[in-house]
Structures are given as structure tokens and as C-alpha cells.
Amino acid sequence: MRYIIREATENDFPAILSLINELAEFEKAPEKVTNTLDQMVNEKDLFGCFVAETDDKEIIGMAIYFFAYFTWVGKSLYLDDIYVKSSFRKNRVGSALLKRVFEVAGRENCKRIRWQVLKWNENAIQMYRKSGAEIDNEWLNCSFDARGIADFIRKN
């Protein structure tokens, strides 16, 4: 199977949003997706994205990232999501997307790349370990959604 990895454009946003929804289904949390095409367009300067595209122009995977600042090391890149359609896995598409993200981090002189993986996603964990990633079992995620943010502000 042949494919290319390229930077996403605004024209790719519908396909990317479709992949985001597919990822949410895979992660058993479809109700958590509140992002929209309009929101992606309005916030396009806040994230970078690579897509994997077949010869017949089907987008089969994506890697979405943004820059962050971690107090211990400084400028970093956060890989928010990497996803490949299930029928295209095992073709090194995920590895190719990951490589492009690492190239950005290197070019941008990032001191760290960080991302998350679900404990039950053994295929992804194997791919990340194979690539040399350290998987930390010590830290827990803390987050608030938009409603939680508003509630916190109101209560405090």
C-alpha cells in the first residue's frame, strides 16, 4: 500500500474531524467530542497536523500536535492525537506520522515530546515502546471540560 505523509490544510478539516470522531468511538468516548469544523477553522493557528493520504486521495490517518512549555525542560511538543483507520494499521502509517512529528520537534529545538496512551491500547503501546518511548505509570491526568471550568470559576 502506498501513502504519503503531508501537512494538513484547512480543506482536510472535514476528513480530520471524521477521524477524530472515529478515534473517539475507538476510545469508547464518542460523547466527549465537542469540536466542530468552524471551531477548527477559528483555532487553526493553535495546532499543527499531518495527514496520511493514499494515492487515491483518501485520508487514512492523522497526527495533531501543539507546542507547550514544561517547567522542568522548557519548549516542548505535545502530540495530542495520532490515529490511523483500522483497515490501514500494520502498514507503518502510525510510525510515519510519528516520525514527521519528531522532525518538527527537532527543527523547533523542543526539549521534550509528550503524549498519552490508554492503558488498554496494547497495539499503540507496543509501537511506542518499539520506537523508544518511556511510558510513565506514575502520573495521573487532571482535566476540566468547558462546563467544569465555568463551575470552578463560579465556585472560587
C-alpha atoms as a PDB file:
ATOM      1  CA  MET A   1       0.000   0.000   0.000  1.00  0.00           C
ATOM      2  CA  ARG A   2       1.290   3.428  -0.928  1.00  0.00           C
ATOM      3  CA  TYR A   3       0.634   6.608   1.006  1.00  0.00           C
ATOM      4  CA  ILE A   4       2.225   9.962   1.687  1.00  0.00           C
ATOM      5  CA  ILE A   5       2.509  11.981   4.878  1.00  0.00           C
ATOM      6  CA  ARG A   6       1.866  15.684   4.375  1.00  0.00           C
ATOM      7  CA  GLU A   7       0.897  18.763   6.329  1.00  0.00           C
ATOM      8  CA  ALA A   8      -2.835  19.133   6.657  1.00  0.00           C
ATOM      9  CA  THR A   9      -4.647  22.067   5.110  1.00  0.00           C
ATOM     10  CA  GLU A  10      -7.958  23.635   6.015  1.00  0.00           C
ATOM     11  CA  ASN A  11      -9.515  21.619   3.180  1.00  0.00           C
ATOM     12  CA  ASP A  12      -8.636  18.469   5.155  1.00  0.00           C
ATOM     13  CA  PHE A  13     -10.556  19.542   8.265  1.00  0.00           C
ATOM     14  CA  PRO A  14     -13.745  17.580   7.404  1.00  0.00           C
ATOM     15  CA  ALA A  15     -11.730  14.361   6.990  1.00  0.00           C
ATOM     16  CA  ILE A  16      -9.717  15.128  10.141  1.00  0.00           C
ATOM     17  CA  LEU A  17     -12.885  15.735  12.165  1.00  0.00           C
ATOM     18  CA  SER A  18     -14.205  12.428  10.859  1.00  0.00           C
ATOM     19  CA  LEU A  19     -11.012  10.722  12.085  1.00  0.00           C
ATOM     20  CA  ILE A  20     -11.370  12.490  15.446  1.00  0.00           C
ATOM     21  CA  ASN A  21     -14.878  11.067  15.777  1.00  0.00           C
ATOM     22  CA  GLU A  22     -13.660   7.630  14.708  1.00  0.00           C
ATOM     23  CA  LEU A  23     -10.908   7.845  17.327  1.00  0.00           C
ATOM     24  CA  ALA A  24     -13.464   8.790  19.988  1.00  0.00           C
ATOM     25  CA  GLU A  25     -15.515   5.713  19.051  1.00  0.00           C
ATOM     26  CA  PHE A  26     -12.374   3.562  19.268  1.00  0.00           C
ATOM     27  CA  GLU A  27     -11.620   5.019  22.714  1.00  0.00           C
ATOM     28  CA  LYS A  28     -15.220   4.378  23.807  1.00  0.00           C
ATOM     29  CA  ALA A  29     -15.954   8.083  24.381  1.00  0.00           C
ATOM     30  CA  PRO A  30     -17.848   9.443  21.348  1.00  0.00           C
ATOM     31  CA  GLU A  31     -19.870  11.809  23.540  1.00  0.00           C
ATOM     32  CA  LYS A  32     -16.691  13.666  24.536  1.00  0.00           C
ATOM     33  CA  VAL A  33     -16.112  15.208  21.090  1.00  0.00           C
ATOM     34  CA  THR A  34     -17.439  18.777  21.005  1.00  0.00           C
ATOM     35  CA  ASN A  35     -15.057  20.114  18.353  1.00  0.00           C
ATOM     36  CA  THR A  36     -16.599  21.397  15.100  1.00  0.00           C
ATOM     37  CA  LEU A  37     -15.337  22.392  11.670  1.00  0.00           C
ATOM     38  CA  ASP A  38     -15.969  26.067  12.486  1.00  0.00           C
ATOM     39  CA  GLN A  39     -14.007  25.724  15.707  1.00  0.00           C
ATOM     40  CA  MET A  40     -11.117  24.048  13.893  1.00  0.00           C
ATOM     41  CA  VAL A  41     -11.026  26.870  11.340  1.00  0.00           C
ATOM     42  CA  ASN A  42     -11.145  29.531  14.070  1.00  0.00           C
ATOM     43  CA  GLU A  43      -8.413  27.802  16.088  1.00  0.00           C
ATOM     44  CA  LYS A  44      -6.200  26.598  13.221  1.00  0.00           C
ATOM     45  CA  ASP A  45      -3.238  28.658  14.434  1.00  0.00           C
ATOM     46  CA  LEU A  46      -3.184  26.736  17.728  1.00  0.00           C
ATOM     47  CA  PHE A  47      -2.323  23.298  16.338  1.00  0.00           C
ATOM     48  CA  GLY A  48      -0.356  21.540  13.662  1.00  0.00           C
ATOM     49  CA  CYS A  49      -1.471  18.421  11.850  1.00  0.00           C
ATOM     50  CA  PHE A  50      -0.069  15.835   9.482  1.00  0.00           C
ATOM     51  CA  VAL A  51      -2.263  13.518   7.471  1.00  0.00           C
ATOM     52  CA  ALA A  52      -1.564  10.210   5.794  1.00  0.00           C
ATOM     53  CA  GLU A  53      -3.090  10.120   2.321  1.00  0.00           C
ATOM     54  CA  THR A  54      -3.365   7.234  -0.130  1.00  0.00           C
ATOM     55  CA  ASP A  55      -2.729   7.509  -3.861  1.00  0.00           C
ATOM     56  CA  ASP A  56      -6.475   7.896  -4.417  1.00  0.00           C
ATOM     57  CA  LYS A  57      -6.525  10.909  -2.017  1.00  0.00           C
ATOM     58  CA  GLU A  58      -8.189   9.124   0.928  1.00  0.00           C
ATOM     59  CA  ILE A  59      -7.019  10.468   4.285  1.00  0.00           C
ATOM     60  CA  ILE A  60      -6.334   7.385   6.392  1.00  0.00           C
ATOM     61  CA  GLY A  61      -4.526   8.826   9.400  1.00  0.00           C
ATOM     62  CA  MET A  62      -3.590  11.961  11.267  1.00  0.00           C
ATOM     63  CA  ALA A  63      -1.268  13.329  13.919  1.00  0.00           C
ATOM     64  CA  ILE A  64      -2.345  16.514  15.722  1.00  0.00           C
ATOM     65  CA  TYR A  65       0.154  18.382  17.884  1.00  0.00           C
ATOM     66  CA  PHE A  66       0.828  21.713  19.551  1.00  0.00           C
ATOM     67  CA  PHE A  67       3.699  23.409  21.323  1.00  0.00           C
ATOM     68  CA  ALA A  68       3.797  23.567  25.087  1.00  0.00           C
ATOM     69  CA  TYR A  69       6.104  24.779  27.795  1.00  0.00           C
ATOM     70  CA  PHE A  70       7.045  22.357  30.571  1.00  0.00           C
ATOM     71  CA  THR A  71       8.620  23.992  33.603  1.00  0.00           C
ATOM     72  CA  TRP A  72      11.363  21.409  34.057  1.00  0.00           C
ATOM     73  CA  VAL A  73      12.630  21.373  30.473  1.00  0.00           C
ATOM     74  CA  GLY A  74      11.173  24.316  28.512  1.00  0.00           C
ATOM     75  CA  LYS A  75       9.786  24.297  24.977  1.00  0.00           C
ATOM     76  CA  SER A  76       8.125  21.001  24.150  1.00  0.00           C
ATOM     77  CA  LEU A  77       5.787  19.436  21.663  1.00  0.00           C
ATOM     78  CA  TYR A  78       2.598  17.731  22.785  1.00  0.00           C
ATOM     79  CA  LEU A  79       1.231  15.074  20.449  1.00  0.00           C
ATOM     80  CA  ASP A  80      -2.480  15.329  21.186  1.00  0.00           C
ATOM     81  CA  ASP A  81      -3.680  12.525  18.935  1.00  0.00           C
ATOM     82  CA  ILE A  82      -2.319  10.096  16.429  1.00  0.00           C
ATOM     83  CA  TYR A  83      -4.814   7.867  14.683  1.00  0.00           C
ATOM     84  CA  VAL A  84      -4.878   5.510  11.709  1.00  0.00           C
ATOM     85  CA  LYS A  85      -8.030   3.931  10.318  1.00  0.00           C
ATOM     86  CA  SER A  86      -8.241   0.321  11.453  1.00  0.00           C
ATOM     87  CA  SER A  87      -8.089  -1.174   7.944  1.00  0.00           C
ATOM     88  CA  PHE A  88      -4.759   0.600   7.318  1.00  0.00           C
ATOM     89  CA  ARG A  89      -2.953  -0.334  10.520  1.00  0.00           C
ATOM     90  CA  LYS A  90       0.136  -2.555  10.400  1.00  0.00           C
ATOM     91  CA  ASN A  91       1.401  -0.650   7.332  1.00  0.00           C
ATOM     92  CA  ARG A  92       3.730   1.637   9.353  1.00  0.00           C
ATOM     93  CA  VAL A  93       1.405   4.621   8.809  1.00  0.00           C
ATOM     94  CA  GLY A  94       1.437   5.459  12.529  1.00  0.00           C
ATOM     95  CA  SER A  95       5.217   5.237  12.631  1.00  0.00           C
ATOM     96  CA  ALA A  96       5.490   7.506   9.585  1.00  0.00           C
ATOM     97  CA  LEU A  97       3.177  10.074  11.199  1.00  0.00           C
ATOM     98  CA  LEU A  98       5.163   9.879  14.436  1.00  0.00           C
ATOM     99  CA  LYS A  99       8.415  10.421  12.524  1.00  0.00           C
ATOM    100  CA  ARG A 100       7.077  13.643  10.967  1.00  0.00           C
ATOM    101  CA  VAL A 101       6.057  14.950  14.398  1.00  0.00           C
ATOM    102  CA  PHE A 102       9.546  14.175  15.716  1.00  0.00           C
ATOM    103  CA  GLU A 103      11.061  16.040  12.765  1.00  0.00           C
ATOM    104  CA  VAL A 104       9.034  19.131  13.730  1.00  0.00           C
ATOM    105  CA  ALA A 105      10.190  18.826  17.343  1.00  0.00           C
ATOM    106  CA  GLY A 106      13.798  18.567  16.220  1.00  0.00           C
ATOM    107  CA  ARG A 107      13.533  21.508  13.833  1.00  0.00           C
ATOM    108  CA  GLU A 108      11.848  23.598  16.563  1.00  0.00           C
ATOM    109  CA  ASN A 109      14.510  22.701  19.155  1.00  0.00           C
ATOM    110  CA  CYS A 110      11.980  21.106  21.507  1.00  0.00           C
ATOM    111  CA  LYS A 111      13.331  19.613  24.701  1.00  0.00           C
ATOM    112  CA  ARG A 112      10.542  17.030  25.094  1.00  0.00           C
ATOM    113  CA  ILE A 113       7.758  15.314  23.205  1.00  0.00           C
ATOM    114  CA  ARG A 114       4.871  14.069  25.289  1.00  0.00           C
ATOM    115  CA  TRP A 115       1.612  12.267  24.613  1.00  0.00           C
ATOM    116  CA  GLN A 116      -0.813   9.887  26.275  1.00  0.00           C
ATOM    117  CA  VAL A 117      -1.919   6.366  25.508  1.00  0.00           C
ATOM    118  CA  LEU A 118      -4.768   4.413  27.047  1.00  0.00           C
ATOM    119  CA  LYS A 119      -3.675   1.516  29.259  1.00  0.00           C
ATOM    120  CA  TRP A 120      -5.708  -0.969  27.212  1.00  0.00           C
ATOM    121  CA  ASN A 121      -4.373   0.123  23.794  1.00  0.00           C
ATOM    122  CA  GLU A 122      -1.707  -2.580  23.578  1.00  0.00           C
ATOM    123  CA  ASN A 123      -1.009  -2.113  19.854  1.00  0.00           C
ATOM    124  CA  ALA A 124      -0.177   1.566  20.354  1.00  0.00           C
ATOM    125  CA  ILE A 125       1.856   0.838  23.478  1.00  0.00           C
ATOM    126  CA  GLN A 126       3.905  -1.727  21.545  1.00  0.00           C
ATOM    127  CA  MET A 127       4.516   0.750  18.718  1.00  0.00           C
ATOM    128  CA  TYR A 128       5.586   3.471  21.167  1.00  0.00           C
ATOM    129  CA  ARG A 129       7.874   1.135  23.126  1.00  0.00           C
ATOM    130  CA  LYS A 130       9.391  -0.119  19.884  1.00  0.00           C
ATOM    131  CA  SER A 131      10.158   3.481  18.953  1.00  0.00           C
ATOM    132  CA  GLY A 132      11.932   4.000  22.292  1.00  0.00           C
ATOM    133  CA  ALA A 133       9.249   5.891  24.243  1.00  0.00           C
ATOM    134  CA  GLU A 134       9.281   5.838  28.021  1.00  0.00           C
ATOM    135  CA  ILE A 135       5.799   5.038  29.296  1.00  0.00           C
ATOM    136  CA  ASP A 136       5.139   6.519  32.723  1.00  0.00           C
ATOM    137  CA  ASN A 137       2.692   4.746  35.017  1.00  0.00           C
ATOM    138  CA  GLU A 138       3.104   7.222  37.886  1.00  0.00           C
ATOM    139  CA  TRP A 139       1.303  10.407  36.765  1.00  0.00           C
ATOM    140  CA  LEU A 140      -2.475  10.775  36.611  1.00  0.00           C
ATOM    141  CA  ASN A 141      -4.370  13.057  34.233  1.00  0.00           C
ATOM    142  CA  CYS A 142      -6.276  16.019  35.644  1.00  0.00           C
ATOM    143  CA  SER A 143      -8.723  17.897  33.452  1.00  0.00           C
ATOM    144  CA  PHE A 144     -11.796  20.103  33.363  1.00  0.00           C
ATOM    145  CA  ASP A 145     -14.151  20.443  30.416  1.00  0.00           C
ATOM    146  CA  ALA A 146     -15.708  23.819  29.482  1.00  0.00           C
ATOM    147  CA  ARG A 147     -18.561  23.353  31.946  1.00  0.00           C
ATOM    148  CA  GLY A 148     -16.144  22.343  34.697  1.00  0.00           C
ATOM    149  CA  ILE A 149     -14.055  25.460  34.034  1.00  0.00           C
ATOM    150  CA  ALA A 150     -17.124  27.680  34.361  1.00  0.00           C
ATOM    151  CA  ASP A 151     -18.223  25.870  37.540  1.00  0.00           C
ATOM    152  CA  PHE A 152     -14.758  26.232  39.084  1.00  0.00           C
ATOM    153  CA  ILE A 153     -14.667  29.967  38.354  1.00  0.00           C
ATOM    154  CA  ARG A 154     -18.155  30.427  39.744  1.00  0.00           C
ATOM    155  CA  LYS A 155     -17.390  28.484  42.962  1.00  0.00           C
ATOM    156  CA  ASN A 156     -13.977  30.034  43.576  1.00  0.00           C
END
